[in-house]
Amino acid sequence: MSRALLISAPASGTGKTTLMLALARAYSDRGLAVQCFKSGPDYIDPAFHAVATGKTSVNLDSWAMDRATIEALTARGADADLVLAEGSMGLFDGVARKGASGSGATADVAEMMGWPVLLVLDPSGQAQTAAAVAAGLRDFRPGVRMAGVVLNRVASPRHEDLVRGAMASVGIEVFGVLPRHAPIKLPERHLGLVQAEEHTALSELIGEAARLVAERIDLDGLLQAAEYASGPHRRAAAAVATPPGQRIALARDAAFSFIYPHMLEGWRAAGAEITTFSPLSDEAPSQNADVCWLPGGYPELHAGRLAGNHRFRQGLNAFAQTRPVHGECGGYMVLGEGLIDQTGARHQMTGLLGLETSFATRRMHLGYRLAELAVPMPGQVAGSRLRGHEFHYATILAQPDEPLAVVRDATGAVVTETGSRRGRASGTFFHIIAEDK
């Protein structure tokens, strides 16, 4: 028997991430080897997981990845004492199904891997009704097994008694209760939690959360409930997307941090070499590289600094004269002519593309994307199909260059964020998760 728990909830905002980090650290403090995963497209949570356990956490995505890829990625948990996976949104929230995999819902991964679900339930404003919600989730989809619940933000001992009694009446085990005013909260910003590297005391904060759950949650009982019958483990995955080059110069700092660990591992597994540079520190890509990759992040928070970093801008432009440069989302915006921040101030970007973007009037762009390339990009030929996602608040003011791809959302509808190519520079608003198979 193996042990795993997939931590999910009826909706976002219930405290999944805080509980996930606290459990990961609490079990690690007991001497267990804990391997974390994140279900769905998310850059920030896996970095928090890594701080809690000291091990890289990777994403699993049933819409963008086929089953073989997911099983191969989870092979890293074969030698762990406990696998903890964090869900996204509500347990069954996803999009239209895709072939043999799924909708992108957390429940897809739970059923595929046989992992029992630990439900984080916030019963604020209700009592016995919370048990009806939990029972409905338990019974909604055959093949998804619920281990039990943790109650978060409980108002009082009387409130706890009412909810516990109702849970017992429908056969759902309560593994612990956290109070409404627990002193643990992680700061947030418009794309989710603030990045792990921006916290000066993140490990200490996770330690406090771990001590709280050790006092209030039945860790021994939860560990027993985590047991499941695992199948044979696949070997670690090869690249889920072809490396963009043999020697990759990767922008990496607080403005360019959104790239999936499974992508980097896959590129390295395919033989690529990756060197990093910091545009925020006014560094240029290595002249020994044969391709430059600018991932997403928060360039809008650092636009003035990037505009003034002449060594970076001149070095990137010189690089692009002879070798390809590609940007994803934030990286795409920095490859453009200008970026208007939320105050309305315009900042000159690198000008490798004609893209103009603005945060002065914010509008959320969120969802899965399937792109069919109209022209080549680094590592991919025209006609290649890529699965990924888009999540940003920028508005396109101008996108005058040659379209990079025909891009559709999960329903098949064409979206206007086509990406661009000019010369050796290319960029997209969507982040690649895997090649379409």
Protein backbone atom coordinates (compact mmCIF):
# COMPACT_ATOMS: atom_id res chain seq x y z
CA MET A 1 0.00 0.00 0.00
CA SER A 2 1.07 3.57 -0.74
CA ARG A 3 -0.07 6.76 0.95
CA ALA A 4 -1.45 9.85 -0.75
CA LEU A 5 -3.96 12.61 -0.12
CA LEU A 6 -5.40 15.01 -2.65
CA ILE A 7 -6.41 18.16 -0.79
CA SER A 8 -9.46 19.77 -2.35
CA ALA A 9 -12.51 21.86 -1.48
CA PRO A 10 -15.94 22.91 -2.77
CA ALA A 11 -14.47 26.19 -4.07
CA SER A 12 -11.43 28.45 -4.11
CA GLY A 13 -10.62 30.50 -1.04
CA THR A 14 -11.28 27.84 1.59
CA GLY A 15 -7.70 27.49 2.81
CA LYS A 16 -6.37 24.59 0.70
CA THR A 17 -2.90 26.04 0.21
CA THR A 18 -2.32 26.89 3.87
CA LEU A 19 -3.46 23.43 4.99
CA MET A 20 -1.37 21.78 2.27
CA LEU A 21 1.78 23.58 3.38
CA ALA A 22 1.10 22.94 7.05
CA LEU A 23 0.54 19.21 6.53
CA ALA A 24 3.59 18.91 4.28
CA ARG A 25 5.81 20.51 6.93
CA ALA A 26 4.16 18.70 9.86
CA TYR A 27 4.74 15.28 8.29
CA SER A 28 8.25 16.28 7.19
CA ASP A 29 8.99 17.30 10.79
CA ARG A 30 8.00 13.76 11.79
CA GLY A 31 10.75 12.43 9.55
CA LEU A 32 8.52 11.36 6.63
CA ALA A 33 9.58 11.90 3.03
CA VAL A 34 6.78 14.01 1.53
CA GLN A 35 6.34 14.55 -2.21
CA CYS A 36 3.98 17.35 -3.30
CA PHE A 37 2.07 17.93 -6.52
CA LYS A 38 -0.31 20.60 -7.79
CA SER A 39 -3.37 19.76 -9.86
CA GLY A 40 -4.02 22.26 -12.63
CA PRO A 41 -2.11 25.22 -14.07
CA ASP A 42 -0.36 27.12 -11.28
CA TYR A 43 3.20 28.45 -10.88
CA ILE A 44 3.08 29.86 -7.38
CA ASP A 45 1.76 27.04 -5.20
CA PRO A 46 4.42 24.48 -6.25
CA ALA A 47 7.16 26.93 -5.20
CA PHE A 48 5.53 27.13 -1.77
CA HIS A 49 5.40 23.33 -1.63
CA ALA A 50 9.14 23.20 -2.27
CA VAL A 51 9.79 25.50 0.69
CA ALA A 52 7.65 23.27 2.93
CA THR A 53 9.41 20.02 2.01
CA GLY A 54 12.70 20.87 0.33
CA LYS A 55 11.62 18.89 -2.76
CA THR A 56 10.49 20.10 -6.17
CA SER A 57 6.73 19.98 -6.69
CA VAL A 58 5.33 19.58 -10.23
CA ASN A 59 1.97 20.19 -11.86
CA LEU A 60 -0.44 17.51 -13.04
CA ASP A 61 -3.06 18.60 -15.56
CA SER A 62 -5.69 16.25 -16.93
CA TRP A 63 -6.71 18.63 -19.72
CA ALA A 64 -3.25 19.45 -21.05
CA MET A 65 -1.50 16.14 -20.31
CA ASP A 66 -2.35 12.60 -21.33
CA ARG A 67 -2.56 9.84 -18.74
CA ALA A 68 0.88 8.43 -19.54
CA THR A 69 2.50 11.81 -18.86
CA ILE A 70 0.66 12.23 -15.55
CA GLU A 71 1.61 8.74 -14.43
CA ALA A 72 5.23 9.35 -15.40
CA LEU A 73 5.35 12.65 -13.50
CA THR A 74 3.90 11.05 -10.37
CA ALA A 75 6.64 8.41 -10.44
CA ARG A 76 8.75 10.83 -8.40
CA GLY A 77 6.48 9.96 -5.47
CA ALA A 78 7.20 6.23 -5.67
CA ASP A 79 9.77 6.33 -2.87
CA ALA A 80 8.00 8.93 -0.73
CA ASP A 81 6.34 8.04 2.56
CA LEU A 82 3.45 10.32 1.67
CA VAL A 83 2.22 12.08 -1.47
CA LEU A 84 0.29 15.31 -0.96
CA ALA A 85 -1.40 16.91 -3.97
CA GLU A 86 -3.15 20.27 -3.90
CA GLY A 87 -6.25 20.73 -6.01
CA SER A 88 -7.41 23.85 -7.81
CA MET A 89 -10.80 25.58 -7.57
CA GLY A 90 -13.56 23.15 -6.54
CA LEU A 91 -13.11 19.39 -6.64
CA PHE A 92 -15.12 18.85 -9.83
CA ASP A 93 -14.50 22.18 -11.57
CA GLY A 94 -13.10 21.82 -15.10
CA VAL A 95 -13.88 22.29 -18.77
CA ALA A 96 -15.19 20.12 -21.60
CA ARG A 97 -13.59 16.67 -21.55
CA LYS A 98 -10.66 15.88 -23.80
CA GLY A 99 -10.32 12.28 -25.00
CA ALA A 100 -8.77 9.79 -22.62
CA SER A 101 -7.67 12.31 -20.01
CA GLY A 102 -10.14 14.71 -18.52
CA SER A 103 -11.54 18.14 -17.94
CA GLY A 104 -8.71 19.61 -15.90
CA ALA A 105 -10.66 19.01 -12.69
CA THR A 106 -8.93 17.89 -9.51
CA ALA A 107 -11.29 14.91 -9.43
CA ASP A 108 -9.77 13.62 -12.69
CA VAL A 109 -6.37 13.20 -11.04
CA ALA A 110 -7.90 11.72 -7.88
CA GLU A 111 -9.73 9.05 -9.89
CA MET A 112 -6.86 8.40 -12.29
CA MET A 113 -4.31 7.85 -9.51
CA GLY A 114 -6.66 6.34 -6.94
CA TRP A 115 -5.71 9.05 -4.42
CA PRO A 116 -8.21 9.64 -1.57
CA VAL A 117 -9.50 13.21 -1.23
CA LEU A 118 -9.19 15.28 1.93
CA LEU A 119 -11.86 17.96 1.74
CA VAL A 120 -11.19 21.39 3.26
CA LEU A 121 -14.58 22.75 4.25
CA ASP A 122 -15.36 26.27 5.43
CA PRO A 123 -18.72 26.08 7.28
CA SER A 124 -19.01 29.82 7.86
CA GLY A 125 -22.65 30.85 7.88
CA GLN A 126 -23.90 27.26 8.11
CA ALA A 127 -23.86 24.25 10.41
CA GLN A 128 -25.57 20.96 9.51
CA THR A 129 -25.76 22.05 5.87
CA ALA A 130 -21.98 21.66 5.71
CA ALA A 131 -22.49 17.90 6.00
CA ALA A 132 -24.90 17.96 3.06
CA VAL A 133 -22.26 19.73 0.98
CA ALA A 134 -19.61 17.20 1.98
CA ALA A 135 -21.91 14.23 1.34
CA GLY A 136 -22.84 15.63 -2.05
CA LEU A 137 -19.19 15.92 -3.02
CA ARG A 138 -18.47 12.41 -1.73
CA ASP A 139 -21.27 10.86 -3.79
CA PHE A 140 -21.12 13.03 -6.90
CA ARG A 141 -18.71 10.95 -8.99
CA PRO A 142 -18.09 7.21 -8.70
CA GLY A 143 -14.40 6.45 -8.58
CA VAL A 144 -13.48 9.45 -6.45
CA ARG A 145 -12.98 8.38 -2.82
CA MET A 146 -13.20 10.85 0.03
CA ALA A 147 -11.00 10.23 3.07
CA GLY A 148 -12.78 12.82 5.20
CA VAL A 149 -12.77 16.52 5.96
CA VAL A 150 -10.90 19.22 7.82
CA LEU A 151 -13.12 22.07 9.00
CA ASN A 152 -11.61 25.53 8.55
CA ARG A 153 -12.70 28.85 10.07
CA VAL A 154 -15.02 27.35 12.67
CA ALA A 155 -16.61 30.06 14.84
CA SER A 156 -16.97 28.40 18.26
CA PRO A 157 -17.10 25.07 20.17
CA ARG A 158 -20.89 25.06 19.71
CA HIS A 159 -20.47 25.56 15.96
CA GLU A 160 -17.96 22.71 15.88
CA ASP A 161 -20.30 20.36 17.75
CA LEU A 162 -23.16 21.01 15.32
CA VAL A 163 -21.02 20.40 12.24
CA ARG A 164 -19.28 17.34 13.71
CA GLY A 165 -22.62 15.79 14.65
CA ALA A 166 -23.99 16.29 11.15
CA MET A 167 -20.84 14.82 9.56
CA ALA A 168 -21.09 11.76 11.79
CA SER A 169 -24.72 11.26 10.75
CA VAL A 170 -23.69 10.88 7.09
CA GLY A 171 -20.58 8.81 7.80
CA ILE A 172 -17.93 11.46 7.07
CA GLU A 173 -14.91 11.60 9.35
CA VAL A 174 -13.69 14.95 10.65
CA PHE A 175 -9.91 14.83 11.03
CA GLY A 176 -9.56 18.24 12.59
CA VAL A 177 -10.93 21.72 13.13
CA LEU A 178 -9.17 25.06 12.61
CA PRO A 179 -10.56 28.24 14.21
CA ARG A 180 -11.95 31.20 12.33
CA HIS A 181 -9.21 33.53 13.53
CA ALA A 182 -6.21 31.24 13.15
CA PRO A 183 -3.08 33.45 13.04
CA ILE A 184 -1.83 32.02 9.72
CA LYS A 185 -2.45 33.80 6.43
CA LEU A 186 -0.36 34.06 3.27
CA PRO A 187 -0.33 37.41 1.42
CA GLU A 188 -1.93 37.61 -2.01
CA ARG A 189 -1.89 39.74 -5.17
CA HIS A 190 -3.84 39.83 -8.40
CA LEU A 191 -2.55 36.53 -9.89
CA GLY A 192 -2.78 34.64 -6.60
CA LEU A 193 -0.32 34.30 -3.76
CA VAL A 194 2.80 36.42 -3.63
CA GLN A 195 5.73 34.41 -4.99
CA ALA A 196 7.64 32.21 -2.55
CA GLU A 197 10.96 33.96 -3.24
CA GLU A 198 9.46 37.29 -2.16
CA HIS A 199 8.77 36.09 1.39
CA THR A 200 11.55 36.81 3.86
CA ALA A 201 10.12 34.49 6.52
CA LEU A 202 8.08 31.96 4.54
CA SER A 203 9.64 28.88 6.11
CA GLU A 204 8.93 30.23 9.59
CA LEU A 205 5.32 31.00 8.63
CA ILE A 206 4.85 27.45 7.33
CA GLY A 207 6.39 26.17 10.57
CA GLU A 208 3.79 28.07 12.59
CA ALA A 209 1.02 26.60 10.46
CA ALA A 210 2.50 23.11 10.92
CA ARG A 211 2.48 23.49 14.70
CA LEU A 212 -1.15 24.61 14.59
CA VAL A 213 -2.31 21.62 12.56
CA ALA A 214 -0.25 19.24 14.70
CA GLU A 215 -2.28 20.43 17.68
CA ARG A 216 -5.67 20.41 15.99
CA ILE A 217 -5.60 17.67 13.32
CA ASP A 218 -5.36 13.90 13.82
CA LEU A 219 -2.18 13.37 11.84
CA ASP A 220 -1.99 9.66 12.67
CA GLY A 221 -5.58 9.02 11.60
CA LEU A 222 -5.11 11.06 8.46
CA LEU A 223 -1.99 9.11 7.55
CA GLN A 224 -3.95 5.87 7.87
CA ALA A 225 -6.76 7.27 5.71
CA ALA A 226 -4.18 8.16 3.06
CA GLU A 227 -3.50 4.51 2.22
CA TYR A 228 -4.46 3.41 -1.28
CA ALA A 229 -3.61 0.56 -3.63
CA SER A 230 -1.05 1.88 -6.10
CA GLY A 231 -0.34 0.40 -9.50
CA PRO A 232 3.11 -0.09 -11.05
CA HIS A 233 5.11 3.12 -11.24
CA ARG A 234 6.32 4.43 -14.57
CA ARG A 235 9.79 5.82 -14.99
CA ALA A 236 10.29 9.58 -14.84
CA ALA A 237 8.92 11.54 -17.78
CA ALA A 238 10.90 12.71 -20.75
CA ALA A 239 10.16 16.12 -22.23
CA VAL A 240 6.46 16.93 -22.53
CA ALA A 241 7.47 19.67 -24.97
CA THR A 242 10.50 19.71 -27.24
CA PRO A 243 13.33 21.91 -25.89
CA PRO A 244 13.55 25.23 -27.74
CA GLY A 245 17.28 24.76 -28.25
CA GLN A 246 20.38 22.92 -27.10
CA ARG A 247 21.72 25.79 -24.95
CA ILE A 248 18.90 27.86 -23.47
CA ALA A 249 19.37 31.28 -21.85
CA LEU A 250 16.44 31.53 -19.41
CA ALA A 251 15.38 34.84 -17.83
CA ARG A 252 14.93 34.15 -14.14
CA ASP A 253 14.15 36.66 -11.36
CA ALA A 254 11.15 38.22 -9.61
CA ALA A 255 9.82 39.55 -12.94
CA PHE A 256 10.32 36.28 -14.87
CA SER A 257 9.56 33.28 -12.69
CA PHE A 258 6.54 31.55 -14.23
CA ILE A 259 7.86 28.40 -15.85
CA TYR A 260 6.81 24.91 -14.90
CA PRO A 261 9.39 22.67 -13.19
CA HIS A 262 8.27 19.74 -15.35
CA MET A 263 9.16 21.76 -18.47
CA LEU A 264 12.67 22.52 -17.24
CA GLU A 265 13.20 18.92 -16.13
CA GLY A 266 11.92 17.68 -19.46
CA TRP A 267 14.23 19.98 -21.41
CA ARG A 268 17.20 18.79 -19.37
CA ALA A 269 16.14 15.15 -19.76
CA ALA A 270 16.19 15.69 -23.52
CA GLY A 271 19.80 16.91 -23.29
CA ALA A 272 19.33 20.69 -23.23
CA GLU A 273 21.56 22.94 -21.13
CA ILE A 274 19.94 25.84 -19.26
CA THR A 275 21.71 28.96 -18.00
CA THR A 276 19.85 31.77 -16.25
CA PHE A 277 20.20 35.54 -16.33
CA SER A 278 18.39 38.35 -14.52
CA PRO A 279 16.90 41.21 -16.55
CA LEU A 280 16.12 43.00 -13.27
CA SER A 281 19.85 42.94 -12.47
CA ASP A 282 20.51 44.37 -15.96
CA GLU A 283 22.02 41.13 -17.23
CA ALA A 284 21.99 40.05 -20.88
CA PRO A 285 21.52 36.47 -22.13
CA SER A 286 24.68 34.40 -22.44
CA GLN A 287 26.38 34.67 -25.80
CA ASN A 288 27.04 30.93 -25.60
CA ALA A 289 23.30 30.17 -25.78
CA ASP A 290 21.53 29.35 -29.03
CA VAL A 291 18.05 30.45 -27.87
CA CYS A 292 16.67 32.88 -25.27
CA TRP A 293 13.44 32.21 -23.36
CA LEU A 294 11.61 34.86 -21.31
CA PRO A 295 8.92 33.25 -19.15
CA GLY A 296 5.96 35.00 -17.56
CA GLY A 297 5.88 36.69 -14.20
CA TYR A 298 5.19 40.21 -12.98
CA PRO A 299 6.99 42.59 -15.38
CA GLU A 300 4.25 45.17 -14.83
CA LEU A 301 5.49 45.59 -11.24
CA HIS A 302 9.03 46.27 -12.49
CA ALA A 303 8.37 47.99 -15.82
CA GLY A 304 10.25 51.21 -14.98
CA ARG A 305 13.31 49.30 -13.87
CA LEU A 306 13.28 47.05 -16.93
CA ALA A 307 12.91 50.08 -19.21
CA GLY A 308 16.02 51.62 -17.66
CA ASN A 309 18.18 48.49 -17.80
CA HIS A 310 20.08 49.28 -21.01
CA ARG A 311 22.55 46.42 -20.80
CA PHE A 312 19.69 43.93 -20.70
CA ARG A 313 17.76 45.60 -23.54
CA GLN A 314 20.79 46.08 -25.78
CA GLY A 315 22.08 42.58 -25.07
CA LEU A 316 18.72 41.00 -25.85
CA ASN A 317 18.41 42.96 -29.10
CA ALA A 318 21.91 41.93 -30.14
CA PHE A 319 21.11 38.31 -29.32
CA ALA A 320 17.95 38.43 -31.45
CA GLN A 321 19.92 39.52 -34.52
CA THR A 322 21.34 36.02 -34.89
CA ARG A 323 19.34 33.68 -32.62
CA PRO A 324 15.69 33.12 -31.66
CA VAL A 325 14.07 34.78 -28.65
CA HIS A 326 10.68 33.72 -27.28
CA GLY A 327 8.51 35.22 -24.54
CA GLU A 328 5.51 33.82 -22.68
CA CYS A 329 2.89 36.20 -21.24
CA GLY A 330 4.98 38.64 -19.17
CA GLY A 331 7.99 37.78 -21.30
CA TYR A 332 5.91 38.47 -24.42
CA MET A 333 4.97 41.91 -23.10
CA VAL A 334 8.62 42.77 -22.44
CA LEU A 335 9.46 41.82 -26.03
CA GLY A 336 6.94 44.43 -27.20
CA GLU A 337 7.26 48.16 -27.82
CA GLY A 338 5.63 49.44 -24.67
CA LEU A 339 3.85 48.50 -21.44
CA ILE A 340 1.45 50.84 -19.65
CA ASP A 341 1.30 50.16 -15.92
CA GLN A 342 -1.76 50.45 -13.69
CA THR A 343 -1.03 54.14 -13.00
CA GLY A 344 -1.19 54.91 -16.73
CA ALA A 345 2.54 55.46 -17.17
CA ARG A 346 4.03 54.01 -20.36
CA HIS A 347 7.38 52.24 -20.21
CA GLN A 348 9.50 51.47 -23.27
CA MET A 349 10.18 47.75 -23.60
CA THR A 350 12.69 45.97 -25.83
CA GLY A 351 10.91 46.62 -29.16
CA LEU A 352 11.64 43.20 -30.66
CA LEU A 353 7.90 42.96 -31.37
CA GLY A 354 5.31 45.64 -32.01
CA LEU A 355 3.07 44.58 -29.11
CA GLU A 356 1.61 47.33 -26.92
CA THR A 357 -0.09 46.30 -23.66
CA SER A 358 -1.80 48.13 -20.82
CA PHE A 359 -2.75 47.46 -17.21
CA ALA A 360 -4.46 50.83 -16.85
CA THR A 361 -7.81 49.14 -17.49
CA ARG A 362 -7.50 45.62 -16.20
CA ARG A 363 -9.48 42.71 -17.63
CA MET A 364 -8.89 39.11 -16.66
CA HIS A 365 -7.96 36.61 -19.38
CA LEU A 366 -8.12 33.11 -17.95
CA GLY A 367 -8.46 29.62 -19.36
CA TYR A 368 -6.95 26.70 -21.18
CA ARG A 369 -5.56 27.29 -24.66
CA LEU A 370 -4.95 24.98 -27.64
CA ALA A 371 -2.61 26.62 -30.16
CA GLU A 372 -1.85 25.47 -33.68
CA LEU A 373 1.27 27.24 -34.89
CA ALA A 374 0.90 29.17 -38.15
CA VAL A 375 4.68 29.74 -38.27
CA PRO A 376 7.60 28.10 -36.48
CA MET A 377 8.76 29.05 -32.98
CA PRO A 378 11.78 27.77 -31.01
CA GLY A 379 11.54 23.98 -30.74
CA GLN A 380 8.34 23.75 -32.79
CA VAL A 381 7.51 23.67 -36.51
CA ALA A 382 4.52 25.25 -38.21
CA GLY A 383 1.46 23.09 -37.65
CA SER A 384 2.51 21.93 -34.19
CA ARG A 385 -0.25 21.88 -31.58
CA LEU A 386 0.47 23.03 -28.05
CA ARG A 387 -1.65 22.84 -24.92
CA GLY A 388 -1.36 25.50 -22.27
CA HIS A 389 -3.20 28.20 -20.39
CA GLU A 390 -3.58 31.96 -20.26
CA PHE A 391 -3.88 34.03 -17.08
CA HIS A 392 -3.25 37.76 -17.08
CA TYR A 393 -4.93 41.14 -16.72
CA ALA A 394 -3.24 42.98 -19.58
CA THR A 395 -5.14 44.56 -22.46
CA ILE A 396 -3.69 44.43 -25.98
CA LEU A 397 -3.55 47.89 -27.54
CA ALA A 398 -1.64 46.79 -30.64
CA GLN A 399 -0.50 43.41 -31.94
CA PRO A 400 0.73 44.35 -35.46
CA ASP A 401 3.17 41.55 -36.23
CA GLU A 402 2.62 38.24 -38.01
CA PRO A 403 0.30 36.00 -35.95
CA LEU A 404 2.14 33.10 -34.37
CA ALA A 405 -0.78 30.70 -34.04
CA VAL A 406 -4.48 30.08 -34.24
CA VAL A 407 -5.41 29.88 -30.57
CA ARG A 408 -8.62 28.38 -29.20
CA ASP A 409 -10.04 28.09 -25.72
CA ALA A 410 -11.22 24.83 -24.18
CA THR A 411 -14.58 25.07 -25.96
CA GLY A 412 -12.91 25.42 -29.37
CA ALA A 413 -13.68 29.13 -29.74
CA VAL A 414 -10.94 31.20 -31.38
CA VAL A 415 -9.37 33.85 -29.12
CA THR A 416 -7.72 37.09 -30.21
CA GLU A 417 -4.45 36.53 -28.33
CA THR A 418 -2.70 34.85 -31.26
CA GLY A 419 0.86 35.61 -30.27
CA SER A 420 3.29 37.28 -32.70
CA ARG A 421 6.46 36.75 -34.66
CA ARG A 422 8.84 39.28 -36.16
CA GLY A 423 12.19 38.11 -37.46
CA ARG A 424 13.71 35.78 -34.87
CA ALA A 425 11.49 37.07 -32.03
CA SER A 426 8.22 35.40 -31.08
CA GLY A 427 5.85 35.46 -28.15
CA THR A 428 2.50 34.27 -26.83
CA PHE A 429 0.13 35.10 -24.01
CA PHE A 430 -0.38 31.40 -23.35
CA HIS A 431 2.03 29.35 -21.24
CA ILE A 432 2.95 25.94 -22.67
CA ILE A 433 2.10 22.93 -20.49
CA ALA A 434 2.55 20.10 -23.01
CA GLU A 435 2.51 19.22 -26.68
CA ASP A 436 -0.83 18.01 -27.98
CA LYS A 437 -0.78 14.27 -28.68
